[in-house]
Amino acid sequence: MMQLRRLRRARAFTQEELSRISGVSRDTISALEAGKREAQPRTIRRLADALNVETQELMKGEDDG
């Protein structure tokens, strides 16, 4: 997920804080940010809700803006 790290940092969340808010493990967040794991739809929804963005915003590629 290309935008996860950018959106998390824009909100000044640590991975641990985002984990606590979203219910997604910190290890999963780390792996997603590193591109080592594909996110499941439920995970995408939980992270988008925690970051207060639409799922499409979270899933944008770096070249999409």
PDB file of N, CA and C in Angstrom:
ATOM      1  N   MET A   1       0.856  -1.185   0.000  1.00  0.00           N
ATOM      2  CA  MET A   1       0.000   0.000   0.000  1.00  0.00           C
ATOM      3  C   MET A   1       0.890   1.232   0.000  1.00  0.00           C
ATOM      4  N   MET A   2       0.875   1.864  -1.120  1.00  0.00           N
ATOM      5  CA  MET A   2       1.800   2.962  -1.349  1.00  0.00           C
ATOM      6  C   MET A   2       1.608   4.143  -0.397  1.00  0.00           C
ATOM      7  N   GLN A   3       0.378   4.436  -0.029  1.00  0.00           N
ATOM      8  CA  GLN A   3       0.100   5.652   0.732  1.00  0.00           C
ATOM      9  C   GLN A   3       0.061   5.453   2.244  1.00  0.00           C
ATOM     10  N   LEU A   4       0.149   4.237   2.710  1.00  0.00           N
ATOM     11  CA  LEU A   4      -0.017   3.995   4.146  1.00  0.00           C
ATOM     12  C   LEU A   4       0.987   4.781   4.979  1.00  0.00           C
ATOM     13  N   ARG A   5       2.260   4.667   4.667  1.00  0.00           N
ATOM     14  CA  ARG A   5       3.282   5.369   5.460  1.00  0.00           C
ATOM     15  C   ARG A   5       3.067   6.882   5.408  1.00  0.00           C
ATOM     16  N   ARG A   6       2.808   7.418   4.216  1.00  0.00           N
ATOM     17  CA  ARG A   6       2.622   8.859   4.074  1.00  0.00           C
ATOM     18  C   ARG A   6       1.429   9.340   4.894  1.00  0.00           C
ATOM     19  N   LEU A   7       0.313   8.642   4.785  1.00  0.00           N
ATOM     20  CA  LEU A   7      -0.879   9.040   5.527  1.00  0.00           C
ATOM     21  C   LEU A   7      -0.689   8.882   7.032  1.00  0.00           C
ATOM     22  N   ARG A   8      -0.038   7.823   7.445  1.00  0.00           N
ATOM     23  CA  ARG A   8       0.220   7.611   8.882  1.00  0.00           C
ATOM     24  C   ARG A   8       1.096   8.733   9.434  1.00  0.00           C
ATOM     25  N   ARG A   9       2.158   9.046   8.714  1.00  0.00           N
ATOM     26  CA  ARG A   9       3.062  10.108   9.178  1.00  0.00           C
ATOM     27  C   ARG A   9       2.404  11.481   9.151  1.00  0.00           C
ATOM     28  N   ALA A  10       1.542  11.717   8.160  1.00  0.00           N
ATOM     29  CA  ALA A  10       0.839  13.007   8.079  1.00  0.00           C
ATOM     30  C   ALA A  10      -0.038  13.239   9.300  1.00  0.00           C
ATOM     31  N   ARG A  11      -0.484  12.162   9.905  1.00  0.00           N
ATOM     32  CA  ARG A  11      -1.311  12.258  11.105  1.00  0.00           C
ATOM     33  C   ARG A  11      -0.496  12.099  12.382  1.00  0.00           C
ATOM     34  N   ALA A  12       0.811  12.025  12.225  1.00  0.00           N
ATOM     35  CA  ALA A  12       1.751  11.915  13.344  1.00  0.00           C
ATOM     36  C   ALA A  12       1.489  10.669  14.198  1.00  0.00           C
ATOM     37  N   PHE A  13       1.068   9.579  13.546  1.00  0.00           N
ATOM     38  CA  PHE A  13       0.877   8.305  14.237  1.00  0.00           C
ATOM     39  C   PHE A  13       2.130   7.459  14.109  1.00  0.00           C
ATOM     40  N   THR A  14       2.500   6.791  15.175  1.00  0.00           N
ATOM     41  CA  THR A  14       3.488   5.736  15.073  1.00  0.00           C
ATOM     42  C   THR A  14       2.781   4.487  14.560  1.00  0.00           C
ATOM     43  N   GLN A  15       3.549   3.497  14.152  1.00  0.00           N
ATOM     44  CA  GLN A  15       2.926   2.234  13.752  1.00  0.00           C
ATOM     45  C   GLN A  15       2.154   1.646  14.927  1.00  0.00           C
ATOM     46  N   GLU A  16       2.676   1.761  16.114  1.00  0.00           N
ATOM     47  CA  GLU A  16       2.009   1.232  17.300  1.00  0.00           C
ATOM     48  C   GLU A  16       0.673   1.942  17.555  1.00  0.00           C
ATOM     49  N   GLU A  17       0.653   3.257  17.407  1.00  0.00           N
ATOM     50  CA  GLU A  17      -0.592   4.004  17.597  1.00  0.00           C
ATOM     51  C   GLU A  17      -1.630   3.616  16.552  1.00  0.00           C
ATOM     52  N   LEU A  18      -1.205   3.510  15.299  1.00  0.00           N
ATOM     53  CA  LEU A  18      -2.136   3.110  14.247  1.00  0.00           C
ATOM     54  C   LEU A  18      -2.652   1.698  14.494  1.00  0.00           C
ATOM     55  N   SER A  19      -1.796   0.851  14.985  1.00  0.00           N
ATOM     56  CA  SER A  19      -2.201  -0.510  15.318  1.00  0.00           C
ATOM     57  C   SER A  19      -3.296  -0.504  16.377  1.00  0.00           C
ATOM     58  N   ARG A  20      -3.098   0.262  17.415  1.00  0.00           N
ATOM     59  CA  ARG A  20      -4.067   0.328  18.507  1.00  0.00           C
ATOM     60  C   ARG A  20      -5.403   0.900  18.028  1.00  0.00           C
ATOM     61  N   ILE A  21      -5.356   1.931  17.199  1.00  0.00           N
ATOM     62  CA  ILE A  21      -6.575   2.573  16.711  1.00  0.00           C
ATOM     63  C   ILE A  21      -7.329   1.682  15.723  1.00  0.00           C
ATOM     64  N   SER A  22      -6.581   1.013  14.842  1.00  0.00           N
ATOM     65  CA  SER A  22      -7.198   0.246  13.756  1.00  0.00           C
ATOM     66  C   SER A  22      -7.510  -1.200  14.103  1.00  0.00           C
ATOM     67  N   GLY A  23      -6.787  -1.744  15.079  1.00  0.00           N
ATOM     68  CA  GLY A  23      -6.931  -3.165  15.376  1.00  0.00           C
ATOM     69  C   GLY A  23      -6.115  -4.048  14.452  1.00  0.00           C
ATOM     70  N   VAL A  24      -5.261  -3.451  13.635  1.00  0.00           N
ATOM     71  CA  VAL A  24      -4.361  -4.184  12.745  1.00  0.00           C
ATOM     72  C   VAL A  24      -3.005  -4.266  13.447  1.00  0.00           C
ATOM     73  N   SER A  25      -2.384  -5.438  13.435  1.00  0.00           N
ATOM     74  CA  SER A  25      -1.136  -5.594  14.176  1.00  0.00           C
ATOM     75  C   SER A  25      -0.032  -4.693  13.635  1.00  0.00           C
ATOM     76  N   ARG A  26       0.866  -4.291  14.513  1.00  0.00           N
ATOM     77  CA  ARG A  26       1.991  -3.458  14.101  1.00  0.00           C
ATOM     78  C   ARG A  26       2.852  -4.186  13.088  1.00  0.00           C
ATOM     79  N   ASP A  27       3.013  -5.491  13.257  1.00  0.00           N
ATOM     80  CA  ASP A  27       3.798  -6.276  12.293  1.00  0.00           C
ATOM     81  C   ASP A  27       3.170  -6.222  10.904  1.00  0.00           C
ATOM     82  N   THR A  28       1.854  -6.280  10.833  1.00  0.00           N
ATOM     83  CA  THR A  28       1.168  -6.187   9.545  1.00  0.00           C
ATOM     84  C   THR A  28       1.351  -4.806   8.942  1.00  0.00           C
ATOM     85  N   ILE A  29       1.211  -3.771   9.739  1.00  0.00           N
ATOM     86  CA  ILE A  29       1.406  -2.408   9.249  1.00  0.00           C
ATOM     87  C   ILE A  29       2.822  -2.249   8.713  1.00  0.00           C
ATOM     88  N   SER A  30       3.796  -2.732   9.439  1.00  0.00           N
ATOM     89  CA  SER A  30       5.186  -2.657   9.005  1.00  0.00           C
ATOM     90  C   SER A  30       5.390  -3.379   7.677  1.00  0.00           C
ATOM     91  N   ALA A  31       4.848  -4.575   7.560  1.00  0.00           N
ATOM     92  CA  ALA A  31       4.991  -5.359   6.330  1.00  0.00           C
ATOM     93  C   ALA A  31       4.292  -4.683   5.155  1.00  0.00           C
ATOM     94  N   LEU A  32       3.135  -4.089   5.388  1.00  0.00           N
ATOM     95  CA  LEU A  32       2.421  -3.382   4.328  1.00  0.00           C
ATOM     96  C   LEU A  32       3.217  -2.169   3.858  1.00  0.00           C
ATOM     97  N   GLU A  33       3.754  -1.417   4.802  1.00  0.00           N
ATOM     98  CA  GLU A  33       4.536  -0.236   4.442  1.00  0.00           C
ATOM     99  C   GLU A  33       5.798  -0.614   3.671  1.00  0.00           C
ATOM    100  N   ALA A  34       6.372  -1.755   3.990  1.00  0.00           N
ATOM    101  CA  ALA A  34       7.591  -2.215   3.314  1.00  0.00           C
ATOM    102  C   ALA A  34       7.295  -2.922   1.996  1.00  0.00           C
ATOM    103  N   GLY A  35       6.020  -3.114   1.682  1.00  0.00           N
ATOM    104  CA  GLY A  35       5.651  -3.803   0.456  1.00  0.00           C
ATOM    105  C   GLY A  35       5.874  -5.302   0.507  1.00  0.00           C
ATOM    106  N   LYS A  36       5.947  -5.843   1.711  1.00  0.00           N
ATOM    107  CA  LYS A  36       6.188  -7.272   1.885  1.00  0.00           C
ATOM    108  C   LYS A  36       4.913  -8.084   2.007  1.00  0.00           C
ATOM    109  N   ARG A  37       3.779  -7.411   2.051  1.00  0.00           N
ATOM    110  CA  ARG A  37       2.506  -8.105   2.236  1.00  0.00           C
ATOM    111  C   ARG A  37       1.411  -7.361   1.486  1.00  0.00           C
ATOM    112  N   GLU A  38       0.469  -8.120   0.944  1.00  0.00           N
ATOM    113  CA  GLU A  38      -0.724  -7.552   0.317  1.00  0.00           C
ATOM    114  C   GLU A  38      -1.807  -7.445   1.393  1.00  0.00           C
ATOM    115  N   ALA A  39      -2.516  -6.346   1.384  1.00  0.00           N
ATOM    116  CA  ALA A  39      -3.563  -6.145   2.384  1.00  0.00           C
ATOM    117  C   ALA A  39      -4.860  -6.815   1.953  1.00  0.00           C
ATOM    118  N   GLN A  40      -5.530  -7.410   2.895  1.00  0.00           N
ATOM    119  CA  GLN A  40      -6.858  -7.973   2.693  1.00  0.00           C
ATOM    120  C   GLN A  40      -7.877  -6.833   2.747  1.00  0.00           C
ATOM    121  N   PRO A  41      -9.020  -6.990   2.080  1.00  0.00           N
ATOM    122  CA  PRO A  41     -10.034  -5.911   2.075  1.00  0.00           C
ATOM    123  C   PRO A  41     -10.422  -5.430   3.478  1.00  0.00           C
ATOM    124  N   ARG A  42     -10.578  -6.344   4.409  1.00  0.00           N
ATOM    125  CA  ARG A  42     -10.943  -5.943   5.777  1.00  0.00           C
ATOM    126  C   ARG A  42      -9.851  -5.077   6.410  1.00  0.00           C
ATOM    127  N   THR A  43      -8.597  -5.429   6.174  1.00  0.00           N
ATOM    128  CA  THR A  43      -7.465  -4.661   6.702  1.00  0.00           C
ATOM    129  C   THR A  43      -7.451  -3.267   6.093  1.00  0.00           C
ATOM    130  N   ILE A  44      -7.681  -3.175   4.799  1.00  0.00           N
ATOM    131  CA  ILE A  44      -7.712  -1.877   4.122  1.00  0.00           C
ATOM    132  C   ILE A  44      -8.795  -0.996   4.729  1.00  0.00           C
ATOM    133  N   ARG A  45      -9.979  -1.553   4.943  1.00  0.00           N
ATOM    134  CA  ARG A  45     -11.076  -0.778   5.546  1.00  0.00           C
ATOM    135  C   ARG A  45     -10.721  -0.305   6.951  1.00  0.00           C
ATOM    136  N   ARG A  46     -10.128  -1.176   7.741  1.00  0.00           N
ATOM    137  CA  ARG A  46      -9.784  -0.802   9.125  1.00  0.00           C
ATOM    138  C   ARG A  46      -8.745   0.317   9.151  1.00  0.00           C
ATOM    139  N   LEU A  47      -7.741   0.207   8.285  1.00  0.00           N
ATOM    140  CA  LEU A  47      -6.702   1.240   8.237  1.00  0.00           C
ATOM    141  C   LEU A  47      -7.267   2.557   7.703  1.00  0.00           C
ATOM    142  N   ALA A  48      -8.073   2.491   6.668  1.00  0.00           N
ATOM    143  CA  ALA A  48      -8.674   3.707   6.118  1.00  0.00           C
ATOM    144  C   ALA A  48      -9.558   4.393   7.166  1.00  0.00           C
ATOM    145  N   ASP A  49     -10.342   3.623   7.883  1.00  0.00           N
ATOM    146  CA  ASP A  49     -11.183   4.196   8.939  1.00  0.00           C
ATOM    147  C   ASP A  49     -10.329   4.870  10.010  1.00  0.00           C
ATOM    148  N   ALA A  50      -9.264   4.204  10.422  1.00  0.00           N
ATOM    149  CA  ALA A  50      -8.388   4.746  11.470  1.00  0.00           C
ATOM    150  C   ALA A  50      -7.696   6.030  11.003  1.00  0.00           C
ATOM    151  N   LEU A  51      -7.389   6.100   9.714  1.00  0.00           N
ATOM    152  CA  LEU A  51      -6.715   7.279   9.158  1.00  0.00           C
ATOM    153  C   LEU A  51      -7.695   8.326   8.659  1.00  0.00           C
ATOM    154  N   ASN A  52      -8.994   8.002   8.749  1.00  0.00           N
ATOM    155  CA  ASN A  52     -10.057   8.920   8.335  1.00  0.00           C
ATOM    156  C   ASN A  52      -9.939   9.306   6.861  1.00  0.00           C
ATOM    157  N   VAL A  53      -9.710   8.291   6.024  1.00  0.00           N
ATOM    158  CA  VAL A  53      -9.653   8.480   4.571  1.00  0.00           C
ATOM    159  C   VAL A  53     -10.502   7.414   3.895  1.00  0.00           C
ATOM    160  N   GLU A  54     -10.820   7.637   2.637  1.00  0.00           N
ATOM    161  CA  GLU A  54     -11.499   6.627   1.842  1.00  0.00           C
ATOM    162  C   GLU A  54     -10.496   5.530   1.483  1.00  0.00           C
ATOM    163  N   THR A  55     -10.991   4.336   1.274  1.00  0.00           N
ATOM    164  CA  THR A  55     -10.092   3.237   0.926  1.00  0.00           C
ATOM    165  C   THR A  55      -9.331   3.540  -0.361  1.00  0.00           C
ATOM    166  N   GLN A  56      -9.940   4.239  -1.297  1.00  0.00           N
ATOM    167  CA  GLN A  56      -9.267   4.570  -2.552  1.00  0.00           C
ATOM    168  C   GLN A  56      -8.037   5.443  -2.310  1.00  0.00           C
ATOM    169  N   GLU A  57      -8.126   6.351  -1.363  1.00  0.00           N
ATOM    170  CA  GLU A  57      -6.986   7.220  -1.030  1.00  0.00           C
ATOM    171  C   GLU A  57      -5.818   6.389  -0.503  1.00  0.00           C
ATOM    172  N   LEU A  58      -6.126   5.426   0.322  1.00  0.00           N
ATOM    173  CA  LEU A  58      -5.102   4.564   0.891  1.00  0.00           C
ATOM    174  C   LEU A  58      -4.434   3.713  -0.173  1.00  0.00           C
ATOM    175  N   MET A  59      -5.186   3.321  -1.185  1.00  0.00           N
ATOM    176  CA  MET A  59      -4.693   2.405  -2.197  1.00  0.00           C
ATOM    177  C   MET A  59      -4.028   3.086  -3.395  1.00  0.00           C
ATOM    178  N   LYS A  60      -4.043   4.417  -3.451  1.00  0.00           N
ATOM    179  CA  LYS A  60      -3.428   5.113  -4.568  1.00  0.00           C
ATOM    180  C   LYS A  60      -1.960   4.745  -4.680  1.00  0.00           C
ATOM    181  N   GLY A  61      -1.496   4.633  -5.916  1.00  0.00           N
ATOM    182  CA  GLY A  61      -0.078   4.443  -6.157  1.00  0.00           C
ATOM    183  C   GLY A  61       0.649   5.763  -6.030  1.00  0.00           C
ATOM    184  N   GLU A  62       1.949   5.728  -5.891  1.00  0.00           N
ATOM    185  CA  GLU A  62       2.735   6.944  -5.734  1.00  0.00           C
ATOM    186  C   GLU A  62       2.569   7.887  -6.913  1.00  0.00           C
ATOM    187  N   ASP A  63       2.395   7.338  -8.112  1.00  0.00           N
ATOM    188  CA  ASP A  63       2.251   8.151  -9.309  1.00  0.00           C
ATOM    189  C   ASP A  63       0.856   8.727  -9.484  1.00  0.00           C
ATOM    190  N   ASP A  64      -0.106   8.261  -8.693  1.00  0.00           N
ATOM    191  CA  ASP A  64      -1.483   8.731  -8.785  1.00  0.00           C
ATOM    192  C   ASP A  64      -1.702  10.060  -8.073  1.00  0.00           C
ATOM    193  N   GLY A  65      -0.724  10.490  -7.303  1.00  0.00           N
ATOM    194  CA  GLY A  65      -0.872  11.746  -6.579  1.00  0.00           C
ATOM    195  C   GLY A  65      -1.285  11.458  -5.226  1.00  0.00           C
TER     196      GLY A  65
END
